[in-house]
Amino acid sequence: MDLQVVKACGVTFVDSMIERVIEERCGGDFHKAAAVRESVLAVLGADIASVQPGSEQARQVKEVLTSKGMWSQYLEVGLGPDPEVFTKAPVLSSVGFGAQIGIPTFSQWNNPEPELVLIVNAQGRVRGATLGNDVNLRDVEGRSALLLGMAKDNTGSCSIGPFVRLFHDGFTLETLRTEDITLTVEGADGYRLEGQNSLTRISRPFEELIGAAFGKHHQYPDGFALFTGTLFAPTKDRDVQGLGFTHKPADKVAIHSANLGSLINTTGTTEDLPPWTFGIRDLMKYLSRLNQVPVHSAAKREEQLQNRLLPSTSSSRG
């Protein structure tokens, strides 16, 4: 994960779409969430749980919901022909296993998002997968979907790991279609939250998500990573009844699946995290210096690599 842009698809599960509608109707105010959730579910119910996005049935459902005063831009990407695709993180800005993830001080309603991340090459073929935390600021995006960049792309807001597992005969894209991804949040205050993201319930196939990100309309010469969305949206109250969940500093967030291991991070205040300083220019300078140093043995080269690389990535970036 050095030169790969990190893309993400949102609202790929019906449950997630409903929560986005709730955020929007709350205007980002988590105090209203419980009452709004009750009214939204009364209208939506289970009617759209099995609707295929982009189908004639989906179009009819959107018309019915609009007539009931429940129109939302999230219904378009949740039920319409095209999925939501956005750039989650710039090159080299992601953090990995063990690093802190950032929650900005301007957010009072936020949550982790456990997701499957596909690793796609320059030809648009999936070569492997890993886990990701698409840290989400619900109050910011709830105010306006046009604030998606502010809600999704901040220092330490994209965690990927613990490793990339490449495909082989016993592990393929078919394996991942039934993968269960679990989430556990353990707070320093004794609070514990558990959740699950089951890929069997995703509304769109992986191929459709990849096709929306890659094709004649957009190429990635170094390949890209693609967050595939989440089923999980926490509603369990943390402190006050009816106010739901939001992060606190020092929350331990563990995302796990049987085939991809565990991605573990702790939350911190974004503004207090080590700033992102190692970018593409630094990477090029490092590679240039490395190539100018005479190497007399494989062991010596490995020693030089470790001595030069580790100080530059001490904040677990890349």
Foldseek 3Di string as FASTA:
>chain_A
DAQFFAKEWELQFVLRLLVLLLLQVCLLDLLCNLVSSVVSCVVVPCPCQQAFAQDPVLVVVQVSCVVVVSHDPSSCQNRYPHIDMDGQEHGFQAFEFAFAAADAPVADAWDWFKFKKFFAAQVLHTFWIAIKTQTFRSSQCNNDVVCVCVGGYARRRIYIDPHTDTDDPVRDLVVQQQWKKKKWKQDPVRDIDIDIFGNVSGNDRPSSVSVNADDPVDTDNGTHMYTYYGSDDWADDDPDPSSTDDDDFQIWMWMAIPVHGIGIHTYDHRVPQDDDDCDPVNVVVLVVVLVVDDDDDPVRSVVVCCVSPCVSCVSRTD
